[in-house]
């Protein structure tokens, strides 16, 4: 094979490999965009559930909507930071809490 033909073959191979990596990146961006939309939907549903919540004062536990909202925002910020990084920065090492149950203090009995 001549040198020119080899160079053309190498250039064509690099173009194909480079093009396929952009396709995977586009697919990943599309999927992460869908994740962000679903997280927005979850947050709206949680806001509605919180507004409709009729917690009884004698209930021992209740759902921690604030903590859920904060965790959803952390995830959204992480996805957005991945999709459009401003510059290389260290990762946030704080973990999600994941426990959304609040203990309700016992009601004081009236004399």
PDB file of N, CA and C in Angstrom:
ATOM      1  N   UNK A   1       0.856  -1.165   0.000  1.00  0.00           N
ATOM      2  CA  UNK A   1       0.000   0.000   0.000  1.00  0.00           C
ATOM      3  C   UNK A   1       0.906   1.233   0.000  1.00  0.00           C
ATOM      4  N   UNK A   2       0.580   2.172  -0.829  1.00  0.00           N
ATOM      5  CA  UNK A   2       1.402   3.368  -0.919  1.00  0.00           C
ATOM      6  C   UNK A   2       1.197   4.244   0.313  1.00  0.00           C
ATOM      7  N   UNK A   3       2.117   5.137   0.548  1.00  0.00           N
ATOM      8  CA  UNK A   3       2.061   6.030   1.703  1.00  0.00           C
ATOM      9  C   UNK A   3       0.847   6.938   1.630  1.00  0.00           C
ATOM     10  N   UNK A   4       0.510   7.443   0.463  1.00  0.00           N
ATOM     11  CA  UNK A   4      -0.640   8.322   0.306  1.00  0.00           C
ATOM     12  C   UNK A   4      -1.936   7.574   0.609  1.00  0.00           C
ATOM     13  N   UNK A   5      -2.052   6.355   0.108  1.00  0.00           N
ATOM     14  CA  UNK A   5      -3.256   5.554   0.364  1.00  0.00           C
ATOM     15  C   UNK A   5      -3.359   5.233   1.848  1.00  0.00           C
ATOM     16  N   UNK A   6      -2.228   4.943   2.480  1.00  0.00           N
ATOM     17  CA  UNK A   6      -2.222   4.645   3.919  1.00  0.00           C
ATOM     18  C   UNK A   6      -2.668   5.870   4.724  1.00  0.00           C
ATOM     19  N   UNK A   7      -2.174   7.037   4.342  1.00  0.00           N
ATOM     20  CA  UNK A   7      -2.561   8.271   5.033  1.00  0.00           C
ATOM     21  C   UNK A   7      -4.057   8.550   4.861  1.00  0.00           C
ATOM     22  N   UNK A   8      -4.575   8.335   3.665  1.00  0.00           N
ATOM     23  CA  UNK A   8      -6.012   8.541   3.428  1.00  0.00           C
ATOM     24  C   UNK A   8      -6.827   7.565   4.272  1.00  0.00           C
ATOM     25  N   UNK A   9      -6.389   6.308   4.326  1.00  0.00           N
ATOM     26  CA  UNK A   9      -7.079   5.307   5.136  1.00  0.00           C
ATOM     27  C   UNK A   9      -7.041   5.700   6.615  1.00  0.00           C
ATOM     28  N   UNK A  10      -5.904   6.145   7.100  1.00  0.00           N
ATOM     29  CA  UNK A  10      -5.762   6.572   8.498  1.00  0.00           C
ATOM     30  C   UNK A  10      -6.650   7.776   8.788  1.00  0.00           C
ATOM     31  N   UNK A  11      -6.679   8.729   7.891  1.00  0.00           N
ATOM     32  CA  UNK A  11      -7.524   9.908   8.060  1.00  0.00           C
ATOM     33  C   UNK A  11      -9.000   9.534   8.071  1.00  0.00           C
ATOM     34  N   UNK A  12      -9.408   8.639   7.190  1.00  0.00           N
ATOM     35  CA  UNK A  12     -10.787   8.176   7.153  1.00  0.00           C
ATOM     36  C   UNK A  12     -11.142   7.443   8.450  1.00  0.00           C
ATOM     37  N   UNK A  13     -10.249   6.618   8.960  1.00  0.00           N
ATOM     38  CA  UNK A  13     -10.481   5.888  10.219  1.00  0.00           C
ATOM     39  C   UNK A  13     -10.643   6.853  11.391  1.00  0.00           C
ATOM     40  N   UNK A  14      -9.793   7.859  11.460  1.00  0.00           N
ATOM     41  CA  UNK A  14      -9.887   8.844  12.541  1.00  0.00           C
ATOM     42  C   UNK A  14     -11.190   9.630  12.456  1.00  0.00           C
ATOM     43  N   UNK A  15     -11.638   9.940  11.257  1.00  0.00           N
ATOM     44  CA  UNK A  15     -12.889  10.666  11.070  1.00  0.00           C
ATOM     45  C   UNK A  15     -14.067   9.836  11.552  1.00  0.00           C
ATOM     46  N   UNK A  16     -14.062   8.555  11.237  1.00  0.00           N
ATOM     47  CA  UNK A  16     -15.148   7.669  11.669  1.00  0.00           C
ATOM     48  C   UNK A  16     -15.163   7.534  13.182  1.00  0.00           C
ATOM     49  N   UNK A  17     -13.999   7.321  13.789  1.00  0.00           N
ATOM     50  CA  UNK A  17     -13.913   7.185  15.246  1.00  0.00           C
ATOM     51  C   UNK A  17     -14.341   8.483  15.916  1.00  0.00           C
ATOM     52  N   UNK A  18     -13.871   9.608  15.425  1.00  0.00           N
ATOM     53  CA  UNK A  18     -14.207  10.906  15.998  1.00  0.00           C
ATOM     54  C   UNK A  18     -15.701  11.177  15.871  1.00  0.00           C
ATOM     55  N   UNK A  19     -16.286  10.855  14.732  1.00  0.00           N
ATOM     56  CA  UNK A  19     -17.715  11.061  14.522  1.00  0.00           C
ATOM     57  C   UNK A  19     -18.558  10.207  15.447  1.00  0.00           C
ATOM     58  N   UNK A  20     -18.143   8.968  15.695  1.00  0.00           N
ATOM     59  CA  UNK A  20     -18.920   8.102  16.577  1.00  0.00           C
ATOM     60  C   UNK A  20     -18.845   8.565  18.021  1.00  0.00           C
ATOM     61  N   UNK A  21     -17.739   9.188  18.430  1.00  0.00           N
ATOM     62  CA  UNK A  21     -17.660   9.691  19.802  1.00  0.00           C
ATOM     63  C   UNK A  21     -18.592  10.882  19.996  1.00  0.00           C
ATOM     64  N   UNK A  22     -18.784  11.698  18.953  1.00  0.00           N
ATOM     65  CA  UNK A  22     -19.729  12.801  19.067  1.00  0.00           C
ATOM     66  C   UNK A  22     -21.158  12.276  19.167  1.00  0.00           C
ATOM     67  N   UNK A  23     -21.456  11.198  18.460  1.00  0.00           N
ATOM     68  CA  UNK A  23     -22.801  10.629  18.523  1.00  0.00           C
ATOM     69  C   UNK A  23     -23.097  10.130  19.932  1.00  0.00           C
ATOM     70  N   UNK A  24     -22.138   9.458  20.560  1.00  0.00           N
ATOM     71  CA  UNK A  24     -22.334   8.970  21.928  1.00  0.00           C
ATOM     72  C   UNK A  24     -22.491  10.150  22.876  1.00  0.00           C
ATOM     73  N   UNK A  25     -21.731  11.192  22.676  1.00  0.00           N
ATOM     74  CA  UNK A  25     -21.821  12.371  23.528  1.00  0.00           C
ATOM     75  C   UNK A  25     -23.185  13.042  23.374  1.00  0.00           C
ATOM     76  N   UNK A  26     -23.672  13.116  22.159  1.00  0.00           N
ATOM     77  CA  UNK A  26     -24.988  13.700  21.921  1.00  0.00           C
ATOM     78  C   UNK A  26     -26.085  12.880  22.580  1.00  0.00           C
ATOM     79  N   UNK A  27     -25.968  11.550  22.488  1.00  0.00           N
ATOM     80  CA  UNK A  27     -26.949  10.670  23.115  1.00  0.00           C
ATOM     81  C   UNK A  27     -26.922  10.848  24.634  1.00  0.00           C
ATOM     82  N   UNK A  28     -25.709  10.919  25.195  1.00  0.00           N
ATOM     83  CA  UNK A  28     -25.584  11.113  26.642  1.00  0.00           C
ATOM     84  C   UNK A  28     -26.188  12.447  27.059  1.00  0.00           C
ATOM     85  N   UNK A  29     -25.927  13.487  26.306  1.00  0.00           N
ATOM     86  CA  UNK A  29     -26.497  14.793  26.626  1.00  0.00           C
ATOM     87  C   UNK A  29     -28.019  14.757  26.564  1.00  0.00           C
ATOM     88  N   UNK A  30     -28.551  14.054  25.584  1.00  0.00           N
ATOM     89  CA  UNK A  30     -30.006  13.923  25.463  1.00  0.00           C
ATOM     90  C   UNK A  30     -30.581  13.196  26.681  1.00  0.00           C
ATOM     91  N   UNK A  31     -29.929  12.110  27.090  1.00  0.00           N
ATOM     92  CA  UNK A  31     -30.409  11.344  28.234  1.00  0.00           C
ATOM     93  C   UNK A  31     -30.310  12.141  29.536  1.00  0.00           C
ATOM     94  N   UNK A  32     -29.238  12.880  29.704  1.00  0.00           N
ATOM     95  CA  UNK A  32     -29.093  13.710  30.899  1.00  0.00           C
ATOM     96  C   UNK A  32     -30.110  14.847  30.905  1.00  0.00           C
ATOM     97  N   UNK A  33     -30.438  15.365  29.730  1.00  0.00           N
ATOM     98  CA  UNK A  33     -31.494  16.374  29.637  1.00  0.00           C
ATOM     99  C   UNK A  33     -32.838  15.799  30.068  1.00  0.00           C
ATOM    100  N   UNK A  34     -33.104  14.553  29.673  1.00  0.00           N
ATOM    101  CA  UNK A  34     -34.338  13.890  30.107  1.00  0.00           C
ATOM    102  C   UNK A  34     -34.348  13.680  31.617  1.00  0.00           C
ATOM    103  N   UNK A  35     -33.197  13.345  32.170  1.00  0.00           N
ATOM    104  CA  UNK A  35     -33.100  13.182  33.626  1.00  0.00           C
ATOM    105  C   UNK A  35     -33.429  14.493  34.322  1.00  0.00           C
ATOM    106  N   UNK A  36     -32.909  15.588  33.800  1.00  0.00           N
ATOM    107  CA  UNK A  36     -33.202  16.893  34.395  1.00  0.00           C
ATOM    108  C   UNK A  36     -34.692  17.210  34.330  1.00  0.00           C
ATOM    109  N   UNK A  37     -35.336  16.900  33.221  1.00  0.00           N
ATOM    110  CA  UNK A  37     -36.772  17.133  33.101  1.00  0.00           C
ATOM    111  C   UNK A  37     -37.547  16.296  34.111  1.00  0.00           C
ATOM    112  N   UNK A  38     -37.135  15.043  34.287  1.00  0.00           N
ATOM    113  CA  UNK A  38     -37.817  14.171  35.239  1.00  0.00           C
ATOM    114  C   UNK A  38     -37.604  14.648  36.673  1.00  0.00           C
ATOM    115  N   UNK A  39     -36.419  15.144  36.970  1.00  0.00           N
ATOM    116  CA  UNK A  39     -36.173  15.679  38.311  1.00  0.00           C
ATOM    117  C   UNK A  39     -37.024  16.922  38.564  1.00  0.00           C
ATOM    118  N   UNK A  40     -37.192  17.758  37.546  1.00  0.00           N
ATOM    119  CA  UNK A  40     -38.077  18.925  37.676  1.00  0.00           C
ATOM    120  C   UNK A  40     -39.507  18.482  37.960  1.00  0.00           C
ATOM    121  N   UNK A  41     -39.945  17.438  37.267  1.00  0.00           N
ATOM    122  CA  UNK A  41     -41.291  16.909  37.495  1.00  0.00           C
ATOM    123  C   UNK A  41     -41.432  16.369  38.913  1.00  0.00           C
ATOM    124  N   UNK A  42     -40.440  15.652  39.374  1.00  0.00           N
ATOM    125  CA  UNK A  42     -40.472  15.112  40.737  1.00  0.00           C
ATOM    126  C   UNK A  42     -40.542  16.235  41.757  1.00  0.00           C
ATOM    127  N   UNK A  43     -39.776  17.284  41.526  1.00  0.00           N
ATOM    128  CA  UNK A  43     -39.785  18.402  42.460  1.00  0.00           C
ATOM    129  C   UNK A  43     -41.158  19.094  42.490  1.00  0.00           C
ATOM    130  N   UNK A  44     -41.775  19.263  41.322  1.00  0.00           N
ATOM    131  CA  UNK A  44     -43.122  19.850  41.282  1.00  0.00           C
ATOM    132  C   UNK A  44     -44.129  18.956  42.011  1.00  0.00           C
ATOM    133  N   UNK A  45     -44.028  17.643  41.812  1.00  0.00           N
ATOM    134  CA  UNK A  45     -44.931  16.713  42.502  1.00  0.00           C
ATOM    135  C   UNK A  45     -44.736  16.770  44.016  1.00  0.00           C
ATOM    136  N   UNK A  46     -43.488  16.871  44.441  1.00  0.00           N
ATOM    137  CA  UNK A  46     -43.205  16.959  45.878  1.00  0.00           C
ATOM    138  C   UNK A  46     -43.755  18.256  46.452  1.00  0.00           C
ATOM    139  N   UNK A  47     -43.663  19.345  45.690  1.00  0.00           N
ATOM    140  CA  UNK A  47     -44.208  20.625  46.149  1.00  0.00           C
ATOM    141  C   UNK A  47     -45.725  20.536  46.305  1.00  0.00           C
ATOM    142  N   UNK A  48     -46.380  19.882  45.341  1.00  0.00           N
ATOM    143  CA  UNK A  48     -47.832  19.697  45.446  1.00  0.00           C
ATOM    144  C   UNK A  48     -48.188  18.820  46.646  1.00  0.00           C
ATOM    145  N   UNK A  49     -47.425  17.754  46.842  1.00  0.00           N
ATOM    146  CA  UNK A  49     -47.699  16.853  47.967  1.00  0.00           C
ATOM    147  C   UNK A  49     -47.517  17.572  49.298  1.00  0.00           C
ATOM    148  N   UNK A  50     -46.500  18.412  49.363  1.00  0.00           N
ATOM    149  CA  UNK A  50     -46.268  19.168  50.591  1.00  0.00           C
ATOM    150  C   UNK A  50     -47.416  20.142  50.846  1.00  0.00           C
ATOM    151  N   UNK A  51     -47.888  20.797  49.797  1.00  0.00           N
ATOM    152  CA  UNK A  51     -48.981  21.758  49.949  1.00  0.00           C
ATOM    153  C   UNK A  51     -50.275  21.048  50.361  1.00  0.00           C
ATOM    154  N   UNK A  52     -50.466  19.831  49.877  1.00  0.00           N
ATOM    155  CA  UNK A  52     -51.683  19.089  50.195  1.00  0.00           C
ATOM    156  C   UNK A  52     -51.567  18.295  51.500  1.00  0.00           C
ATOM    157  N   UNK A  53     -50.389  18.319  52.089  1.00  0.00           N
ATOM    158  CA  UNK A  53     -50.151  17.546  53.299  1.00  0.00           C
ATOM    159  C   UNK A  53     -50.998  18.076  54.455  1.00  0.00           C
ATOM    160  N   UNK A  54     -51.719  17.186  55.070  1.00  0.00           N
ATOM    161  CA  UNK A  54     -52.513  17.543  56.257  1.00  0.00           C
ATOM    162  C   UNK A  54     -51.984  16.722  57.423  1.00  0.00           C
ATOM    163  N   UNK A  55     -50.766  17.032  57.825  1.00  0.00           N
ATOM    164  CA  UNK A  55     -50.118  16.278  58.907  1.00  0.00           C
ATOM    165  C   UNK A  55     -50.873  16.493  60.209  1.00  0.00           C
ATOM    166  N   UNK A  56     -51.113  15.405  60.857  1.00  0.00           N
ATOM    167  CA  UNK A  56     -51.773  15.454  62.158  1.00  0.00           C
ATOM    168  C   UNK A  56     -50.731  15.764  63.221  1.00  0.00           C
ATOM    169  N   UNK A  57     -51.080  16.547  64.222  1.00  0.00           N
ATOM    170  CA  UNK A  57     -50.104  16.902  65.249  1.00  0.00           C
ATOM    171  C   UNK A  57     -49.629  15.700  66.062  1.00  0.00           C
ATOM    172  N   UNK A  58     -50.400  14.625  66.097  1.00  0.00           N
ATOM    173  CA  UNK A  58     -50.009  13.469  66.896  1.00  0.00           C
ATOM    174  C   UNK A  58     -49.149  12.472  66.121  1.00  0.00           C
ATOM    175  N   UNK A  59     -48.892  12.725  64.824  1.00  0.00           N
ATOM    176  CA  UNK A  59     -48.055  11.830  64.041  1.00  0.00           C
ATOM    177  C   UNK A  59     -46.611  11.925  64.507  1.00  0.00           C
ATOM    178  N   UNK A  60     -45.982  10.772  64.629  1.00  0.00           N
ATOM    179  CA  UNK A  60     -44.605  10.748  65.120  1.00  0.00           C
ATOM    180  C   UNK A  60     -43.615  11.144  64.026  1.00  0.00           C
ATOM    181  N   UNK A  61     -43.894  10.754  62.796  1.00  0.00           N
ATOM    182  CA  UNK A  61     -42.991  11.044  61.681  1.00  0.00           C
ATOM    183  C   UNK A  61     -43.736  11.796  60.598  1.00  0.00           C
ATOM    184  N   UNK A  62     -42.974  12.575  59.863  1.00  0.00           N
ATOM    185  CA  UNK A  62     -43.510  13.230  58.677  1.00  0.00           C
ATOM    186  C   UNK A  62     -42.412  13.285  57.634  1.00  0.00           C
ATOM    187  N   UNK A  63     -42.788  13.497  56.401  1.00  0.00           N
ATOM    188  CA  UNK A  63     -41.831  13.507  55.292  1.00  0.00           C
ATOM    189  C   UNK A  63     -41.093  14.836  55.263  1.00  0.00           C
ATOM    190  N   UNK A  64     -39.776  14.773  55.063  1.00  0.00           N
ATOM    191  CA  UNK A  64     -38.936  15.970  55.018  1.00  0.00           C
ATOM    192  C   UNK A  64     -38.833  16.467  53.575  1.00  0.00           C
ATOM    193  N   UNK A  65     -39.801  17.272  53.165  1.00  0.00           N
ATOM    194  CA  UNK A  65     -39.847  17.793  51.792  1.00  0.00           C
ATOM    195  C   UNK A  65     -38.682  18.734  51.506  1.00  0.00           C
ATOM    196  N   UNK A  66     -38.260  19.495  52.490  1.00  0.00           N
ATOM    197  CA  UNK A  66     -37.142  20.416  52.286  1.00  0.00           C
ATOM    198  C   UNK A  66     -35.866  19.651  51.936  1.00  0.00           C
ATOM    199  N   UNK A  67     -35.594  18.589  52.651  1.00  0.00           N
ATOM    200  CA  UNK A  67     -34.386  17.802  52.381  1.00  0.00           C
ATOM    201  C   UNK A  67     -34.455  17.155  51.005  1.00  0.00           C
ATOM    202  N   UNK A  68     -35.633  16.653  50.625  1.00  0.00           N
ATOM    203  CA  UNK A  68     -35.799  16.074  49.299  1.00  0.00           C
ATOM    204  C   UNK A  68     -35.516  17.126  48.230  1.00  0.00           C
ATOM    205  N   UNK A  69     -36.061  18.313  48.397  1.00  0.00           N
ATOM    206  CA  UNK A  69     -35.853  19.390  47.432  1.00  0.00           C
ATOM    207  C   UNK A  69     -34.374  19.759  47.328  1.00  0.00           C
ATOM    208  N   UNK A  70     -33.693  19.810  48.446  1.00  0.00           N
ATOM    209  CA  UNK A  70     -32.264  20.138  48.437  1.00  0.00           C
ATOM    210  C   UNK A  70     -31.460  19.065  47.705  1.00  0.00           C
ATOM    211  N   UNK A  71     -31.811  17.791  47.925  1.00  0.00           N
ATOM    212  CA  UNK A  71     -31.101  16.716  47.241  1.00  0.00           C
ATOM    213  C   UNK A  71     -31.368  16.744  45.738  1.00  0.00           C
ATOM    214  N   UNK A  72     -32.600  17.020  45.347  1.00  0.00           N
ATOM    215  CA  UNK A  72     -32.918  17.117  43.920  1.00  0.00           C
ATOM    216  C   UNK A  72     -32.124  18.255  43.286  1.00  0.00           C
ATOM    217  N   UNK A  73     -32.024  19.383  43.985  1.00  0.00           N
ATOM    218  CA  UNK A  73     -31.252  20.511  43.464  1.00  0.00           C
ATOM    219  C   UNK A  73     -29.775  20.159  43.329  1.00  0.00           C
ATOM    220  N   UNK A  74     -29.236  19.403  44.291  1.00  0.00           N
ATOM    221  CA  UNK A  74     -27.828  18.974  44.206  1.00  0.00           C
ATOM    222  C   UNK A  74     -27.602  18.117  42.973  1.00  0.00           C
ATOM    223  N   UNK A  75     -28.540  17.193  42.714  1.00  0.00           N
ATOM    224  CA  UNK A  75     -28.406  16.321  41.550  1.00  0.00           C
ATOM    225  C   UNK A  75     -28.511  17.142  40.268  1.00  0.00           C
ATOM    226  N   UNK A  76     -29.492  18.041  40.203  1.00  0.00           N
ATOM    227  CA  UNK A  76     -29.655  18.900  39.013  1.00  0.00           C
ATOM    228  C   UNK A  76     -28.416  19.746  38.772  1.00  0.00           C
ATOM    229  N   UNK A  77     -27.869  20.305  39.829  1.00  0.00           N
ATOM    230  CA  UNK A  77     -26.658  21.120  39.690  1.00  0.00           C
ATOM    231  C   UNK A  77     -25.487  20.279  39.201  1.00  0.00           C
ATOM    232  N   UNK A  78     -25.389  19.043  39.679  1.00  0.00           N
ATOM    233  CA  UNK A  78     -24.317  18.155  39.229  1.00  0.00           C
ATOM    234  C   UNK A  78     -24.446  17.801  37.762  1.00  0.00           C
ATOM    235  N   UNK A  79     -25.660  17.492  37.321  1.00  0.00           N
ATOM    236  CA  UNK A  79     -25.886  17.175  35.908  1.00  0.00           C
ATOM    237  C   UNK A  79     -25.601  18.406  35.053  1.00  0.00           C
ATOM    238  N   UNK A  80     -26.100  19.562  35.474  1.00  0.00           N
ATOM    239  CA  UNK A  80     -25.865  20.793  34.710  1.00  0.00           C
ATOM    240  C   UNK A  80     -24.380  21.130  34.667  1.00  0.00           C
ATOM    241  N   UNK A  81     -23.696  20.926  35.777  1.00  0.00           N
ATOM    242  CA  UNK A  81     -22.257  21.183  35.801  1.00  0.00           C
ATOM    243  C   UNK A  81     -21.492  20.262  34.872  1.00  0.00           C
ATOM    244  N   UNK A  82     -21.986  19.029  34.713  1.00  0.00           N
ATOM    245  CA  UNK A  82     -21.352  18.096  33.788  1.00  0.00           C
ATOM    246  C   UNK A  82     -21.620  18.491  32.349  1.00  0.00           C
ATOM    247  N   UNK A  83     -22.860  18.905  32.070  1.00  0.00           N
ATOM    248  CA  UNK A  83     -23.229  19.252  30.702  1.00  0.00           C
ATOM    249  C   UNK A  83     -22.562  20.535  30.215  1.00  0.00           C
ATOM    250  N   UNK A  84     -22.363  21.479  31.110  1.00  0.00           N
ATOM    251  CA  UNK A  84     -21.730  22.739  30.707  1.00  0.00           C
ATOM    252  C   UNK A  84     -20.752  23.190  31.785  1.00  0.00           C
ATOM    253  N   UNK A  85     -19.605  22.517  31.855  1.00  0.00           N
ATOM    254  CA  UNK A  85     -18.626  22.893  32.881  1.00  0.00           C
ATOM    255  C   UNK A  85     -18.003  24.251  32.579  1.00  0.00           C
ATOM    256  N   UNK A  86     -17.839  25.047  33.632  1.00  0.00           N
ATOM    257  CA  UNK A  86     -17.216  26.352  33.436  1.00  0.00           C
ATOM    258  C   UNK A  86     -15.693  26.202  33.373  1.00  0.00           C
ATOM    259  N   UNK A  87     -15.185  25.336  34.199  1.00  0.00           N
ATOM    260  CA  UNK A  87     -13.750  25.008  34.182  1.00  0.00           C
ATOM    261  C   UNK A  87     -13.553  23.827  35.118  1.00  0.00           C
ATOM    262  N   UNK A  88     -12.387  23.254  35.095  1.00  0.00           N
ATOM    263  CA  UNK A  88     -12.124  22.104  35.947  1.00  0.00           C
ATOM    264  C   UNK A  88     -12.138  22.538  37.409  1.00  0.00           C
ATOM    265  N   UNK A  89     -12.984  21.879  38.187  1.00  0.00           N
ATOM    266  CA  UNK A  89     -13.102  22.191  39.606  1.00  0.00           C
ATOM    267  C   UNK A  89     -13.156  20.888  40.384  1.00  0.00           C
ATOM    268  N   UNK A  90     -12.757  20.925  41.648  1.00  0.00           N
ATOM    269  CA  UNK A  90     -12.844  19.703  42.440  1.00  0.00           C
ATOM    270  C   UNK A  90     -14.295  19.294  42.643  1.00  0.00           C
ATOM    271  N   UNK A  91     -14.506  18.001  42.778  1.00  0.00           N
ATOM    272  CA  UNK A  91     -15.854  17.487  42.984  1.00  0.00           C
ATOM    273  C   UNK A  91     -16.331  17.798  44.389  1.00  0.00           C
ATOM    274  N   UNK A  92     -17.635  17.940  44.525  1.00  0.00           N
ATOM    275  CA  UNK A  92     -18.264  18.150  45.824  1.00  0.00           C
ATOM    276  C   UNK A  92     -18.328  16.794  46.514  1.00  0.00           C
ATOM    277  N   UNK A  93     -17.679  16.658  47.636  1.00  0.00           N
ATOM    278  CA  UNK A  93     -17.600  15.358  48.297  1.00  0.00           C
ATOM    279  C   UNK A  93     -18.744  15.111  49.273  1.00  0.00           C
ATOM    280  N   UNK A  94     -19.675  16.030  49.408  1.00  0.00           N
ATOM    281  CA  UNK A  94     -20.796  15.850  50.309  1.00  0.00           C
ATOM    282  C   UNK A  94     -21.771  14.854  49.704  1.00  0.00           C
ATOM    283  N   UNK A  95     -22.189  13.882  50.505  1.00  0.00           N
ATOM    284  CA  UNK A  95     -23.105  12.868  50.013  1.00  0.00           C
ATOM    285  C   UNK A  95     -24.545  13.293  50.223  1.00  0.00           C
ATOM    286  N   UNK A  96     -25.431  12.698  49.429  1.00  0.00           N
ATOM    287  CA  UNK A  96     -26.851  12.929  49.630  1.00  0.00           C
ATOM    288  C   UNK A  96     -27.266  12.284  50.937  1.00  0.00           C
ATOM    289  N   UNK A  97     -28.231  12.868  51.591  1.00  0.00           N
ATOM    290  CA  UNK A  97     -28.671  12.360  52.877  1.00  0.00           C
ATOM    291  C   UNK A  97     -29.524  11.114  52.687  1.00  0.00           C
ATOM    292  N   UNK A  98     -30.562  11.213  51.902  1.00  0.00           N
ATOM    293  CA  UNK A  98     -31.394  10.075  51.584  1.00  0.00           C
ATOM    294  C   UNK A  98     -32.403   9.684  52.640  1.00  0.00           C
ATOM    295  N   UNK A  99     -32.359  10.236  53.823  1.00  0.00           N
ATOM    296  CA  UNK A  99     -33.320   9.921  54.878  1.00  0.00           C
ATOM    297  C   UNK A  99     -34.296  11.081  54.952  1.00  0.00           C
ATOM    298  N   UNK A 100     -35.539  10.842  54.552  1.00  0.00           N
ATOM    299  CA  UNK A 100     -36.513  11.916  54.442  1.00  0.00           C
ATOM    300  C   UNK A 100     -37.610  11.827  55.500  1.00  0.00           C
ATOM    301  N   UNK A 101     -37.317  11.189  56.614  1.00  0.00           N
ATOM    302  CA  UNK A 101     -38.308  11.085  57.671  1.00  0.00           C
ATOM    303  C   UNK A 101     -37.886  11.983  58.827  1.00  0.00           C
ATOM    304  N   UNK A 102     -38.795  12.849  59.253  1.00  0.00           N
ATOM    305  CA  UNK A 102     -38.538  13.758  60.371  1.00  0.00           C
ATOM    306  C   UNK A 102     -39.274  13.240  61.610  1.00  0.00           C
ATOM    307  N   UNK A 103     -38.640  13.296  62.732  1.00  0.00           N
ATOM    308  CA  UNK A 103     -39.319  12.984  63.977  1.00  0.00           C
ATOM    309  C   UNK A 103     -40.115  14.214  64.395  1.00  0.00           C
ATOM    310  N   UNK A 104     -41.364  14.010  64.712  1.00  0.00           N
ATOM    311  CA  UNK A 104     -42.213  15.098  65.169  1.00  0.00           C
ATOM    312  C   UNK A 104     -42.154  15.115  66.689  1.00  0.00           C
ATOM    313  N   UNK A 105     -41.823  16.254  67.270  1.00  0.00           N
ATOM    314  CA  UNK A 105     -41.760  16.312  68.740  1.00  0.00           C
ATOM    315  C   UNK A 105     -43.141  16.025  69.331  1.00  0.00           C
ATOM    316  N   UNK A 106     -43.163  15.316  70.463  1.00  0.00           N
ATOM    317  CA  UNK A 106     -44.464  15.004  71.067  1.00  0.00           C
ATOM    318  C   UNK A 106     -45.205  16.274  71.467  1.00  0.00           C
ATOM    319  N   UNK A 107     -46.509  16.248  71.277  1.00  0.00           N
ATOM    320  CA  UNK A 107     -47.337  17.398  71.625  1.00  0.00           C
ATOM    321  C   UNK A 107     -47.395  17.508  73.137  1.00  0.00           C
ATOM    322  N   UNK A 108     -47.306  18.741  73.608  1.00  0.00           N
ATOM    323  CA  UNK A 108     -47.383  18.958  75.040  1.00  0.00           C
ATOM    324  C   UNK A 108     -48.842  18.799  75.487  1.00  0.00           C
ATOM    325  N   UNK A 109     -49.008  18.083  76.564  1.00  0.00           N
ATOM    326  CA  UNK A 109     -50.373  17.896  77.045  1.00  0.00           C
ATOM    327  C   UNK A 109     -50.800  19.125  77.840  1.00  0.00           C
ATOM    328  N   UNK A 110     -52.037  19.513  77.664  1.00  0.00           N
ATOM    329  CA  UNK A 110     -52.525  20.689  78.369  1.00  0.00           C
ATOM    330  C   UNK A 110     -53.074  20.269  79.731  1.00  0.00           C
ATOM    331  N   UNK A 111     -52.862  21.089  80.788  1.00  0.00           N
ATOM    332  CA  UNK A 111     -53.306  20.703  82.146  1.00  0.00           C
ATOM    333  C   UNK A 111     -54.780  20.741  82.337  1.00  0.00           C
TER     334      UNK A 111
END
